[in-house]
Amino acid sequence: MTTPVTLLVVAKAPIPGLAKTRLAATLGDVAAADIAAAALLDTLDAVSATPVAQRVVAMTGDLALACRSAEIAERLGDFTVVEQRGDGFADRLANAHADASSAAGGLPVLQIGMDTPQVSADLLGRCAADLVGTDAVLGMARDGGWWVLGVTSPGSAQCLRDVPMSTPETGAVTLAALRDTGLSVTMVQELADVDTIDDLPDVRRACRPDSRFYAATQTAEV
């Protein structure tokens, strides 16, 4: 059964030198960007297989310069693609929610990034179903951030503009910001995400052995 939710992926073109810079400090620019590309493609596969009404990708960066650019471009053919807009990451997230909702006719929006390639269609489907019955859903990341955020109204995501991103407190501050606006928040499964070399083993173990991310990280030194 199709869930009346839009699944939104907020993504950055995996360009060497610009993608996964903390990972690149250990593995090099090209290897880090290739891992980011693999993570994005695995994420898009999971989203594509999730029984939701609409699928949107908010993209930033020149895809022509990215690792696996042709494969990513072909995969994006199954999605509605919008350009990210805004001065900072928090602004771009809030705007992406608004743009995805507009592109999908006002449906609730469930948003993820490209740092959790272990995510499955089953898990995303459960998160989407949870969103139908509440104001918001939030899934924490083990590093203190969050990996999934869903809101039934795009206006609810506007509180993200005041949340400091990429800090150990981002998840807790996001939860407080949602609740401060009067929203009922359903918490969903916590996941590890990929930022540094130390994150690779846990995420790789959670991925399917036939996944791109698993293959791309097989030779990474951890």
N, C-alpha and C. Protein backbone atom coordinates (compact mmCIF):
# COMPACT_ATOMS: atom_id res chain seq x y z
N MET A 1 0.84 -1.19 0.00
CA MET A 1 0.00 0.00 0.00
C MET A 1 0.89 1.25 0.00
N THR A 2 0.54 2.22 -0.81
CA THR A 2 1.32 3.45 -0.91
C THR A 2 0.97 4.41 0.22
N THR A 3 1.97 4.90 0.91
CA THR A 3 1.78 5.85 2.00
C THR A 3 1.78 7.26 1.43
N PRO A 4 0.81 8.10 1.80
CA PRO A 4 0.71 9.46 1.24
C PRO A 4 1.73 10.41 1.84
N VAL A 5 2.99 10.17 1.52
CA VAL A 5 4.12 10.93 2.03
C VAL A 5 5.10 11.16 0.89
N THR A 6 5.79 12.28 0.93
CA THR A 6 6.90 12.54 0.00
C THR A 6 8.21 12.21 0.70
N LEU A 7 9.03 11.38 0.08
CA LEU A 7 10.36 11.09 0.59
C LEU A 7 11.35 12.04 -0.07
N LEU A 8 12.06 12.79 0.73
CA LEU A 8 13.00 13.80 0.26
C LEU A 8 14.42 13.41 0.64
N VAL A 9 15.31 13.40 -0.35
CA VAL A 9 16.74 13.19 -0.10
C VAL A 9 17.46 14.51 -0.32
N VAL A 10 18.14 15.00 0.69
CA VAL A 10 18.95 16.21 0.56
C VAL A 10 20.38 15.75 0.28
N ALA A 11 20.89 16.10 -0.90
CA ALA A 11 22.15 15.51 -1.37
C ALA A 11 23.11 16.57 -1.91
N LYS A 12 24.37 16.23 -1.83
CA LYS A 12 25.45 17.06 -2.36
C LYS A 12 26.22 16.26 -3.40
N ALA A 13 26.47 16.85 -4.55
CA ALA A 13 27.22 16.16 -5.58
C ALA A 13 28.57 15.70 -5.01
N PRO A 14 28.91 14.42 -5.13
CA PRO A 14 30.15 13.90 -4.53
C PRO A 14 31.38 14.24 -5.37
N ILE A 15 31.80 15.49 -5.25
CA ILE A 15 32.93 16.01 -6.03
C ILE A 15 34.22 15.90 -5.21
N PRO A 16 35.26 15.29 -5.76
CA PRO A 16 36.52 15.20 -5.02
C PRO A 16 37.01 16.57 -4.56
N GLY A 17 37.38 16.64 -3.30
CA GLY A 17 37.83 17.90 -2.73
C GLY A 17 36.73 18.67 -2.03
N LEU A 18 35.47 18.35 -2.34
CA LEU A 18 34.34 19.04 -1.74
C LEU A 18 33.45 18.11 -0.92
N ALA A 19 33.49 16.82 -1.23
CA ALA A 19 32.63 15.85 -0.55
C ALA A 19 33.41 15.12 0.54
N LYS A 20 32.75 14.94 1.68
CA LYS A 20 33.31 14.14 2.79
C LYS A 20 34.74 14.56 3.11
N THR A 21 34.90 15.83 3.42
CA THR A 21 36.25 16.35 3.64
C THR A 21 36.93 15.74 4.87
N ARG A 22 36.14 15.42 5.92
CA ARG A 22 36.75 14.80 7.09
C ARG A 22 37.21 13.38 6.78
N LEU A 23 36.46 12.68 5.95
CA LEU A 23 36.88 11.36 5.51
C LEU A 23 38.08 11.46 4.57
N ALA A 24 38.08 12.50 3.75
CA ALA A 24 39.17 12.71 2.79
C ALA A 24 40.50 12.98 3.49
N ALA A 25 40.45 13.52 4.69
CA ALA A 25 41.69 13.79 5.42
C ALA A 25 42.48 12.51 5.67
N THR A 26 41.78 11.38 5.69
CA THR A 26 42.44 10.08 5.90
C THR A 26 42.61 9.31 4.60
N LEU A 27 41.55 9.30 3.76
CA LEU A 27 41.55 8.43 2.58
C LEU A 27 41.93 9.14 1.28
N GLY A 28 41.94 10.46 1.28
CA GLY A 28 42.18 11.21 0.05
C GLY A 28 40.87 11.66 -0.58
N ASP A 29 40.96 12.70 -1.41
CA ASP A 29 39.77 13.33 -1.97
C ASP A 29 38.95 12.39 -2.85
N VAL A 30 39.61 11.66 -3.74
CA VAL A 30 38.89 10.82 -4.70
C VAL A 30 38.22 9.64 -4.00
N ALA A 31 38.93 8.98 -3.12
CA ALA A 31 38.35 7.84 -2.41
C ALA A 31 37.16 8.26 -1.56
N ALA A 32 37.28 9.41 -0.88
CA ALA A 32 36.18 9.89 -0.05
C ALA A 32 34.96 10.25 -0.90
N ALA A 33 35.20 10.88 -2.03
CA ALA A 33 34.08 11.25 -2.91
C ALA A 33 33.43 10.01 -3.51
N ASP A 34 34.22 9.00 -3.82
CA ASP A 34 33.65 7.77 -4.37
C ASP A 34 32.79 7.07 -3.32
N ILE A 35 33.22 7.07 -2.08
CA ILE A 35 32.41 6.49 -1.00
C ILE A 35 31.11 7.28 -0.84
N ALA A 36 31.20 8.61 -0.94
CA ALA A 36 29.99 9.44 -0.87
C ALA A 36 29.04 9.12 -2.02
N ALA A 37 29.59 8.91 -3.20
CA ALA A 37 28.76 8.56 -4.36
C ALA A 37 28.07 7.22 -4.15
N ALA A 38 28.82 6.27 -3.63
CA ALA A 38 28.23 4.95 -3.36
C ALA A 38 27.10 5.06 -2.33
N ALA A 39 27.33 5.87 -1.29
CA ALA A 39 26.31 6.06 -0.26
C ALA A 39 25.06 6.70 -0.85
N LEU A 40 25.24 7.70 -1.71
CA LEU A 40 24.10 8.35 -2.34
C LEU A 40 23.31 7.38 -3.20
N LEU A 41 23.98 6.59 -3.99
CA LEU A 41 23.30 5.65 -4.88
C LEU A 41 22.54 4.58 -4.10
N ASP A 42 23.15 4.06 -3.04
CA ASP A 42 22.44 3.08 -2.20
C ASP A 42 21.21 3.71 -1.55
N THR A 43 21.35 4.96 -1.11
CA THR A 43 20.21 5.67 -0.52
C THR A 43 19.10 5.85 -1.53
N LEU A 44 19.43 6.24 -2.74
CA LEU A 44 18.42 6.42 -3.78
C LEU A 44 17.71 5.11 -4.10
N ASP A 45 18.45 4.01 -4.08
CA ASP A 45 17.82 2.70 -4.30
C ASP A 45 16.78 2.41 -3.23
N ALA A 46 17.14 2.66 -1.97
CA ALA A 46 16.21 2.39 -0.87
C ALA A 46 14.98 3.28 -0.96
N VAL A 47 15.18 4.54 -1.28
CA VAL A 47 14.05 5.47 -1.42
C VAL A 47 13.16 5.04 -2.57
N SER A 48 13.76 4.65 -3.68
CA SER A 48 12.99 4.24 -4.85
C SER A 48 12.11 3.03 -4.55
N ALA A 49 12.58 2.16 -3.67
CA ALA A 49 11.84 0.93 -3.34
C ALA A 49 10.81 1.13 -2.23
N THR A 50 10.76 2.32 -1.65
CA THR A 50 9.82 2.59 -0.55
C THR A 50 8.45 2.96 -1.11
N PRO A 51 7.38 2.35 -0.62
CA PRO A 51 6.05 2.60 -1.17
C PRO A 51 5.44 3.91 -0.67
N VAL A 52 5.94 5.01 -1.21
CA VAL A 52 5.41 6.33 -0.87
C VAL A 52 4.88 6.99 -2.15
N ALA A 53 4.15 8.10 -1.96
CA ALA A 53 3.47 8.72 -3.10
C ALA A 53 4.42 9.49 -4.01
N GLN A 54 5.43 10.15 -3.44
CA GLN A 54 6.34 10.98 -4.23
C GLN A 54 7.76 10.84 -3.71
N ARG A 55 8.73 11.07 -4.60
CA ARG A 55 10.15 11.01 -4.23
C ARG A 55 10.86 12.21 -4.84
N VAL A 56 11.55 12.98 -4.00
CA VAL A 56 12.19 14.22 -4.42
C VAL A 56 13.64 14.21 -3.95
N VAL A 57 14.54 14.74 -4.78
CA VAL A 57 15.93 14.95 -4.38
C VAL A 57 16.23 16.44 -4.47
N ALA A 58 16.69 17.02 -3.37
CA ALA A 58 17.18 18.39 -3.37
C ALA A 58 18.71 18.33 -3.50
N MET A 59 19.23 18.77 -4.63
CA MET A 59 20.64 18.58 -4.96
C MET A 59 21.38 19.90 -4.98
N THR A 60 22.63 19.87 -4.57
CA THR A 60 23.52 21.00 -4.73
C THR A 60 24.85 20.52 -5.29
N GLY A 61 25.52 21.37 -6.08
CA GLY A 61 26.80 21.02 -6.66
C GLY A 61 26.70 20.59 -8.11
N ASP A 62 27.81 20.66 -8.81
CA ASP A 62 27.87 20.32 -10.23
C ASP A 62 28.05 18.81 -10.39
N LEU A 63 26.98 18.14 -10.74
CA LEU A 63 27.02 16.68 -10.84
C LEU A 63 28.00 16.20 -11.91
N ALA A 64 28.25 17.02 -12.91
CA ALA A 64 29.17 16.63 -13.97
C ALA A 64 30.60 16.41 -13.45
N LEU A 65 30.93 17.03 -12.32
CA LEU A 65 32.27 16.91 -11.75
C LEU A 65 32.37 15.81 -10.69
N ALA A 66 31.26 15.14 -10.44
CA ALA A 66 31.19 14.20 -9.33
C ALA A 66 31.68 12.81 -9.71
N CYS A 67 32.09 12.04 -8.71
CA CYS A 67 32.35 10.62 -8.92
C CYS A 67 31.05 9.92 -9.27
N ARG A 68 31.14 8.94 -10.17
CA ARG A 68 29.99 8.15 -10.61
C ARG A 68 28.87 9.05 -11.15
N SER A 69 29.26 10.14 -11.81
CA SER A 69 28.28 11.14 -12.24
C SER A 69 27.24 10.56 -13.19
N ALA A 70 27.66 9.73 -14.13
CA ALA A 70 26.71 9.18 -15.10
C ALA A 70 25.70 8.26 -14.42
N GLU A 71 26.17 7.44 -13.49
CA GLU A 71 25.27 6.53 -12.79
C GLU A 71 24.28 7.29 -11.91
N ILE A 72 24.78 8.33 -11.25
CA ILE A 72 23.89 9.14 -10.41
C ILE A 72 22.85 9.86 -11.26
N ALA A 73 23.29 10.44 -12.37
CA ALA A 73 22.36 11.15 -13.25
C ALA A 73 21.27 10.22 -13.76
N GLU A 74 21.65 9.01 -14.12
CA GLU A 74 20.65 8.05 -14.59
C GLU A 74 19.68 7.68 -13.47
N ARG A 75 20.20 7.49 -12.27
CA ARG A 75 19.33 7.11 -11.14
C ARG A 75 18.37 8.22 -10.80
N LEU A 76 18.80 9.46 -10.95
CA LEU A 76 17.94 10.59 -10.62
C LEU A 76 16.77 10.74 -11.58
N GLY A 77 16.82 10.02 -12.69
CA GLY A 77 15.71 10.05 -13.63
C GLY A 77 14.40 9.55 -13.05
N ASP A 78 14.48 8.82 -11.94
CA ASP A 78 13.28 8.30 -11.28
C ASP A 78 12.75 9.24 -10.20
N PHE A 79 13.38 10.41 -10.05
CA PHE A 79 13.03 11.33 -8.98
C PHE A 79 12.68 12.71 -9.55
N THR A 80 11.89 13.46 -8.79
CA THR A 80 11.77 14.89 -9.03
C THR A 80 12.98 15.55 -8.39
N VAL A 81 13.74 16.33 -9.15
CA VAL A 81 14.96 16.95 -8.65
C VAL A 81 14.76 18.46 -8.55
N VAL A 82 15.07 19.01 -7.38
CA VAL A 82 15.02 20.46 -7.18
C VAL A 82 16.39 20.92 -6.71
N GLU A 83 16.70 22.18 -6.99
CA GLU A 83 17.97 22.74 -6.55
C GLU A 83 17.85 23.22 -5.12
N GLN A 84 18.87 22.95 -4.32
CA GLN A 84 18.91 23.51 -2.98
C GLN A 84 19.08 25.02 -3.07
N ARG A 85 18.48 25.72 -2.12
CA ARG A 85 18.62 27.18 -2.08
C ARG A 85 18.70 27.62 -0.63
N GLY A 86 19.48 28.68 -0.40
CA GLY A 86 19.67 29.20 0.95
C GLY A 86 21.13 29.48 1.23
N ASP A 87 21.37 30.29 2.25
CA ASP A 87 22.73 30.73 2.56
C ASP A 87 23.53 29.70 3.36
N GLY A 88 22.87 28.93 4.20
CA GLY A 88 23.55 27.94 5.01
C GLY A 88 22.80 26.63 4.97
N PHE A 89 23.38 25.59 5.59
CA PHE A 89 22.78 24.26 5.53
C PHE A 89 21.40 24.25 6.17
N ALA A 90 21.24 24.94 7.31
CA ALA A 90 19.94 24.97 7.97
C ALA A 90 18.88 25.62 7.07
N ASP A 91 19.24 26.71 6.41
CA ASP A 91 18.31 27.36 5.48
C ASP A 91 17.97 26.43 4.32
N ARG A 92 18.98 25.73 3.80
CA ARG A 92 18.73 24.84 2.66
C ARG A 92 17.80 23.69 3.05
N LEU A 93 17.95 23.19 4.28
CA LEU A 93 17.06 22.12 4.73
C LEU A 93 15.62 22.61 4.81
N ALA A 94 15.42 23.76 5.45
CA ALA A 94 14.06 24.30 5.58
C ALA A 94 13.45 24.57 4.21
N ASN A 95 14.24 25.14 3.31
CA ASN A 95 13.74 25.43 1.96
C ASN A 95 13.46 24.14 1.19
N ALA A 96 14.27 23.12 1.40
CA ALA A 96 14.06 21.85 0.69
C ALA A 96 12.73 21.22 1.10
N HIS A 97 12.38 21.32 2.38
CA HIS A 97 11.09 20.80 2.83
C HIS A 97 9.95 21.54 2.12
N ALA A 98 10.06 22.85 2.06
CA ALA A 98 9.02 23.64 1.40
C ALA A 98 8.93 23.31 -0.09
N ASP A 99 10.08 23.20 -0.75
CA ASP A 99 10.09 22.93 -2.19
C ASP A 99 9.59 21.52 -2.50
N ALA A 100 9.95 20.56 -1.65
CA ALA A 100 9.49 19.19 -1.88
C ALA A 100 7.98 19.08 -1.68
N SER A 101 7.48 19.74 -0.65
CA SER A 101 6.04 19.72 -0.41
C SER A 101 5.29 20.38 -1.57
N SER A 102 5.82 21.48 -2.06
CA SER A 102 5.19 22.17 -3.19
C SER A 102 5.21 21.30 -4.44
N ALA A 103 6.33 20.65 -4.71
CA ALA A 103 6.45 19.80 -5.89
C ALA A 103 5.54 18.60 -5.82
N ALA A 104 5.19 18.18 -4.59
CA ALA A 104 4.38 16.97 -4.41
C ALA A 104 2.94 17.27 -4.02
N GLY A 105 2.52 18.51 -4.21
CA GLY A 105 1.12 18.82 -3.95
C GLY A 105 0.74 18.93 -2.49
N GLY A 106 1.71 19.27 -1.63
CA GLY A 106 1.40 19.52 -0.23
C GLY A 106 1.44 18.31 0.68
N LEU A 107 1.96 17.19 0.21
CA LEU A 107 2.05 16.00 1.05
C LEU A 107 3.03 16.20 2.21
N PRO A 108 2.87 15.46 3.31
CA PRO A 108 3.90 15.45 4.34
C PRO A 108 5.25 15.05 3.75
N VAL A 109 6.31 15.56 4.35
CA VAL A 109 7.66 15.32 3.82
C VAL A 109 8.50 14.59 4.85
N LEU A 110 9.09 13.48 4.43
CA LEU A 110 10.04 12.71 5.23
C LEU A 110 11.41 12.87 4.59
N GLN A 111 12.34 13.50 5.31
CA GLN A 111 13.63 13.87 4.72
C GLN A 111 14.80 13.10 5.33
N ILE A 112 15.68 12.62 4.46
CA ILE A 112 16.93 12.01 4.88
C ILE A 112 18.08 12.65 4.10
N GLY A 113 19.29 12.32 4.50
CA GLY A 113 20.47 12.76 3.77
C GLY A 113 21.07 11.60 2.99
N MET A 114 22.38 11.67 2.76
CA MET A 114 23.07 10.62 2.00
C MET A 114 24.17 9.97 2.82
N ASP A 115 24.07 10.10 4.15
CA ASP A 115 25.12 9.59 5.03
C ASP A 115 24.74 8.30 5.74
N THR A 116 23.58 7.72 5.41
CA THR A 116 23.14 6.47 6.03
C THR A 116 22.80 5.46 4.94
N PRO A 117 23.82 4.96 4.22
CA PRO A 117 23.56 4.05 3.10
C PRO A 117 22.98 2.71 3.53
N GLN A 118 23.00 2.42 4.83
CA GLN A 118 22.44 1.17 5.32
C GLN A 118 20.92 1.23 5.42
N VAL A 119 20.32 2.39 5.19
CA VAL A 119 18.88 2.52 5.33
C VAL A 119 18.17 1.62 4.33
N SER A 120 17.04 1.06 4.76
CA SER A 120 16.29 0.14 3.91
C SER A 120 14.93 0.69 3.57
N ALA A 121 14.32 0.12 2.53
CA ALA A 121 12.96 0.51 2.17
C ALA A 121 11.99 0.18 3.30
N ASP A 122 12.22 -0.92 3.99
CA ASP A 122 11.34 -1.29 5.10
C ASP A 122 11.39 -0.24 6.21
N LEU A 123 12.60 0.19 6.58
CA LEU A 123 12.73 1.19 7.63
C LEU A 123 12.10 2.51 7.20
N LEU A 124 12.39 2.94 5.99
CA LEU A 124 11.80 4.20 5.50
C LEU A 124 10.29 4.10 5.43
N GLY A 125 9.79 2.93 5.04
CA GLY A 125 8.34 2.74 4.99
C GLY A 125 7.71 2.86 6.36
N ARG A 126 8.39 2.34 7.39
CA ARG A 126 7.86 2.46 8.75
C ARG A 126 7.88 3.90 9.22
N CYS A 127 8.94 4.62 8.88
CA CYS A 127 9.02 6.03 9.26
C CYS A 127 7.91 6.83 8.58
N ALA A 128 7.66 6.54 7.31
CA ALA A 128 6.60 7.24 6.58
C ALA A 128 5.24 6.95 7.20
N ALA A 129 5.02 5.69 7.57
CA ALA A 129 3.74 5.33 8.20
C ALA A 129 3.58 6.03 9.54
N ASP A 130 4.68 6.15 10.30
CA ASP A 130 4.63 6.86 11.57
C ASP A 130 4.27 8.33 11.37
N LEU A 131 4.79 8.93 10.30
CA LEU A 131 4.53 10.35 10.04
C LEU A 131 3.06 10.62 9.78
N VAL A 132 2.37 9.68 9.15
CA VAL A 132 0.96 9.87 8.85
C VAL A 132 0.15 10.06 10.13
N GLY A 133 0.61 9.48 11.25
CA GLY A 133 -0.16 9.53 12.48
C GLY A 133 0.31 10.55 13.49
N THR A 134 1.22 11.45 13.12
CA THR A 134 1.74 12.41 14.09
C THR A 134 2.13 13.70 13.39
N ASP A 135 2.61 14.69 14.16
CA ASP A 135 3.03 15.96 13.57
C ASP A 135 4.42 15.86 12.95
N ALA A 136 5.30 15.09 13.60
CA ALA A 136 6.69 15.01 13.14
C ALA A 136 7.30 13.70 13.59
N VAL A 137 8.30 13.23 12.84
CA VAL A 137 9.12 12.10 13.27
C VAL A 137 10.58 12.53 13.22
N LEU A 138 11.38 11.96 14.11
CA LEU A 138 12.79 12.31 14.17
C LEU A 138 13.58 11.06 14.55
N GLY A 139 14.65 10.80 13.80
CA GLY A 139 15.55 9.69 14.10
C GLY A 139 16.94 10.21 14.38
N MET A 140 17.43 9.95 15.56
CA MET A 140 18.74 10.46 15.96
C MET A 140 19.88 9.68 15.31
N ALA A 141 20.99 10.36 15.09
CA ALA A 141 22.23 9.72 14.67
C ALA A 141 23.11 9.54 15.89
N ARG A 142 23.97 8.54 15.86
CA ARG A 142 24.78 8.22 17.03
C ARG A 142 25.79 9.30 17.38
N ASP A 143 26.10 10.19 16.44
CA ASP A 143 27.06 11.25 16.71
C ASP A 143 26.42 12.49 17.32
N GLY A 144 25.12 12.42 17.61
CA GLY A 144 24.44 13.55 18.21
C GLY A 144 23.59 14.35 17.24
N GLY A 145 23.69 14.04 15.96
CA GLY A 145 22.84 14.69 14.97
C GLY A 145 21.56 13.92 14.77
N TRP A 146 20.98 14.03 13.58
CA TRP A 146 19.82 13.21 13.23
C TRP A 146 19.94 12.78 11.78
N TRP A 147 19.31 11.64 11.47
CA TRP A 147 19.42 11.11 10.11
C TRP A 147 18.10 11.21 9.35
N VAL A 148 16.98 11.36 10.04
CA VAL A 148 15.69 11.47 9.36
C VAL A 148 14.82 12.45 10.12
N LEU A 149 14.09 13.28 9.36
CA LEU A 149 13.14 14.23 9.93
C LEU A 149 11.92 14.27 9.02
N GLY A 150 10.76 14.08 9.60
CA GLY A 150 9.52 14.18 8.85
C GLY A 150 8.58 15.15 9.50
N VAL A 151 7.90 15.95 8.70
CA VAL A 151 6.89 16.89 9.20
C VAL A 151 5.67 16.82 8.30
N THR A 152 4.51 16.94 8.91
CA THR A 152 3.28 16.88 8.11
C THR A 152 3.02 18.19 7.38
N SER A 153 3.56 19.29 7.92
CA SER A 153 3.42 20.60 7.29
C SER A 153 4.80 21.18 7.02
N PRO A 154 5.08 21.64 5.82
CA PRO A 154 6.42 22.16 5.54
C PRO A 154 6.79 23.35 6.41
N GLY A 155 5.78 24.09 6.88
CA GLY A 155 6.07 25.22 7.75
C GLY A 155 6.72 24.80 9.05
N SER A 156 6.49 23.57 9.46
CA SER A 156 7.09 23.08 10.70
C SER A 156 8.61 22.97 10.61
N ALA A 157 9.12 22.82 9.39
CA ALA A 157 10.57 22.71 9.21
C ALA A 157 11.27 24.06 9.30
N GLN A 158 10.52 25.13 9.37
CA GLN A 158 11.14 26.45 9.44
C GLN A 158 11.95 26.63 10.72
N CYS A 159 11.61 25.87 11.76
CA CYS A 159 12.37 25.97 13.02
C CYS A 159 13.82 25.53 12.85
N LEU A 160 14.11 24.80 11.77
CA LEU A 160 15.48 24.35 11.53
C LEU A 160 16.44 25.51 11.28
N ARG A 161 15.92 26.63 10.84
CA ARG A 161 16.78 27.77 10.52
C ARG A 161 17.58 28.25 11.74
N ASP A 162 17.07 27.99 12.92
CA ASP A 162 17.76 28.43 14.14
C ASP A 162 18.53 27.31 14.83
N VAL A 163 18.62 26.16 14.19
CA VAL A 163 19.33 25.01 14.78
C VAL A 163 20.76 24.96 14.26
N PRO A 164 21.76 24.95 15.14
CA PRO A 164 23.15 24.79 14.68
C PRO A 164 23.35 23.38 14.15
N MET A 165 23.83 23.27 12.92
CA MET A 165 23.98 21.98 12.27
C MET A 165 25.39 21.42 12.46
N SER A 166 25.50 20.10 12.34
CA SER A 166 26.79 19.39 12.39
C SER A 166 27.52 19.60 13.71
N THR A 167 26.76 19.54 14.81
CA THR A 167 27.35 19.59 16.14
C THR A 167 26.83 18.39 16.93
N PRO A 168 27.47 18.04 18.04
CA PRO A 168 26.98 16.93 18.86
C PRO A 168 25.63 17.19 19.51
N GLU A 169 25.16 18.44 19.46
CA GLU A 169 23.87 18.80 20.06
C GLU A 169 22.77 19.00 19.03
N THR A 170 23.07 18.81 17.75
CA THR A 170 22.08 19.12 16.71
C THR A 170 20.79 18.33 16.88
N GLY A 171 20.89 17.06 17.20
CA GLY A 171 19.69 16.25 17.36
C GLY A 171 18.82 16.73 18.51
N ALA A 172 19.45 16.96 19.66
CA ALA A 172 18.70 17.40 20.83
C ALA A 172 18.09 18.78 20.61
N VAL A 173 18.82 19.68 19.97
CA VAL A 173 18.29 21.03 19.72
C VAL A 173 17.16 20.97 18.70
N THR A 174 17.28 20.11 17.71
CA THR A 174 16.20 19.95 16.73
C THR A 174 14.93 19.43 17.40
N LEU A 175 15.07 18.43 18.25
CA LEU A 175 13.91 17.89 18.97
C LEU A 175 13.25 18.97 19.82
N ALA A 176 14.07 19.74 20.53
CA ALA A 176 13.51 20.81 21.36
C ALA A 176 12.82 21.87 20.51
N ALA A 177 13.41 22.20 19.35
CA ALA A 177 12.81 23.22 18.48
C ALA A 177 11.46 22.75 17.94
N LEU A 178 11.36 21.49 17.57
CA LEU A 178 10.08 20.96 17.09
C LEU A 178 9.03 20.99 18.19
N ARG A 179 9.42 20.55 19.38
CA ARG A 179 8.46 20.53 20.49
C ARG A 179 8.08 21.93 20.94
N ASP A 180 9.01 22.88 20.84
CA ASP A 180 8.72 24.26 21.24
C ASP A 180 7.67 24.90 20.33
N THR A 181 7.52 24.39 19.12
CA THR A 181 6.48 24.90 18.22
C THR A 181 5.14 24.21 18.44
N GLY A 182 5.10 23.32 19.43
CA GLY A 182 3.85 22.65 19.76
C GLY A 182 3.60 21.35 19.03
N LEU A 183 4.62 20.83 18.36
CA LEU A 183 4.45 19.60 17.59
C LEU A 183 4.57 18.36 18.47
N SER A 184 3.81 17.34 18.12
CA SER A 184 3.98 16.01 18.70
C SER A 184 5.01 15.27 17.87
N VAL A 185 6.09 14.83 18.51
CA VAL A 185 7.21 14.21 17.79
C VAL A 185 7.31 12.74 18.14
N THR A 186 7.28 11.89 17.11
CA THR A 186 7.49 10.46 17.28
C THR A 186 8.94 10.13 16.97
N MET A 187 9.65 9.52 17.91
CA MET A 187 11.04 9.16 17.71
C MET A 187 11.11 7.80 17.02
N VAL A 188 12.03 7.68 16.06
CA VAL A 188 12.22 6.44 15.32
C VAL A 188 13.64 5.95 15.54
N GLN A 189 13.99 4.87 14.90
CA GLN A 189 15.26 4.16 15.15
C GLN A 189 16.49 5.05 14.97
N GLU A 190 17.42 4.91 15.88
CA GLU A 190 18.71 5.59 15.79
C GLU A 190 19.61 4.84 14.79
N LEU A 191 20.40 5.58 14.01
CA LEU A 191 21.35 4.99 13.07
C LEU A 191 22.71 5.67 13.21
N ALA A 192 23.75 4.95 12.83
CA ALA A 192 25.08 5.54 12.66
C ALA A 192 25.14 6.17 11.27
N ASP A 193 25.82 7.31 11.17
CA ASP A 193 26.02 7.91 9.85
C ASP A 193 27.52 8.06 9.59
N VAL A 194 27.85 8.44 8.36
CA VAL A 194 29.24 8.45 7.92
C VAL A 194 29.76 9.87 7.85
N ASP A 195 30.75 10.18 8.68
CA ASP A 195 31.44 11.47 8.61
C ASP A 195 32.95 11.29 8.56
N THR A 196 33.47 10.35 9.36
CA THR A 196 34.91 10.17 9.46
C THR A 196 35.27 8.70 9.23
N ILE A 197 36.56 8.42 9.19
CA ILE A 197 37.05 7.06 8.98
C ILE A 197 36.56 6.13 10.09
N ASP A 198 36.38 6.65 11.28
CA ASP A 198 35.95 5.81 12.40
C ASP A 198 34.51 5.33 12.26
N ASP A 199 33.73 6.01 11.42
CA ASP A 199 32.33 5.64 11.23
C ASP A 199 32.15 4.48 10.25
N LEU A 200 33.15 4.22 9.43
CA LEU A 200 32.98 3.26 8.34
C LEU A 200 32.66 1.83 8.80
N PRO A 201 33.33 1.29 9.80
CA PRO A 201 33.07 -0.12 10.13
C PRO A 201 31.62 -0.40 10.54
N ASP A 202 31.07 0.44 11.42
CA ASP A 202 29.70 0.20 11.88
C ASP A 202 28.70 0.32 10.74
N VAL A 203 28.87 1.32 9.90
CA VAL A 203 27.93 1.51 8.80
C VAL A 203 28.08 0.40 7.77
N ARG A 204 29.31 0.01 7.47
CA ARG A 204 29.52 -1.06 6.50
C ARG A 204 28.91 -2.37 6.98
N ARG A 205 29.03 -2.68 8.26
CA ARG A 205 28.44 -3.91 8.79
C ARG A 205 26.92 -3.91 8.67
N ALA A 206 26.32 -2.72 8.71
CA ALA A 206 24.86 -2.63 8.61
C ALA A 206 24.36 -2.64 7.18
N CYS A 207 25.28 -2.54 6.21
CA CYS A 207 24.90 -2.53 4.79
C CYS A 207 24.83 -3.95 4.24
N ARG A 208 24.09 -4.11 3.16
CA ARG A 208 24.07 -5.40 2.46
C ARG A 208 25.44 -5.64 1.83
N PRO A 209 25.92 -6.89 1.83
CA PRO A 209 27.22 -7.18 1.21
C PRO A 209 27.27 -6.88 -0.28
N ASP A 210 26.10 -6.81 -0.93
CA ASP A 210 26.09 -6.50 -2.36
C ASP A 210 25.88 -5.02 -2.63
N SER A 211 25.93 -4.19 -1.59
CA SER A 211 25.70 -2.76 -1.78
C SER A 211 26.95 -2.07 -2.32
N ARG A 212 26.75 -0.93 -2.93
CA ARG A 212 27.87 -0.15 -3.46
C ARG A 212 28.77 0.33 -2.32
N PHE A 213 28.15 0.78 -1.22
CA PHE A 213 28.93 1.29 -0.11
C PHE A 213 29.83 0.22 0.48
N TYR A 214 29.30 -0.98 0.63
CA TYR A 214 30.09 -2.10 1.16
C TYR A 214 31.31 -2.33 0.28
N ALA A 215 31.08 -2.35 -1.03
CA ALA A 215 32.19 -2.59 -1.96
C ALA A 215 33.20 -1.43 -1.94
N ALA A 216 32.70 -0.20 -1.89
CA ALA A 216 33.57 0.98 -1.95
C ALA A 216 34.45 1.12 -0.72
N THR A 217 34.02 0.55 0.40
CA THR A 217 34.78 0.70 1.65
C THR A 217 35.55 -0.55 2.02
N GLN A 218 35.55 -1.54 1.17
CA GLN A 218 36.24 -2.80 1.48
C GLN A 218 37.72 -2.59 1.71
N THR A 219 38.33 -1.70 0.98
CA THR A 219 39.79 -1.53 1.08
C THR A 219 40.18 -0.32 1.91
N ALA A 220 39.18 0.35 2.51
CA ALA A 220 39.49 1.53 3.32
C ALA A 220 40.25 1.09 4.57
N GLU A 221 41.25 1.87 4.95
CA GLU A 221 42.03 1.56 6.15
C GLU A 221 41.28 2.09 7.36
N VAL A 222 40.88 1.18 8.25
CA VAL A 222 40.13 1.57 9.45
C VAL A 222 40.79 0.95 10.68
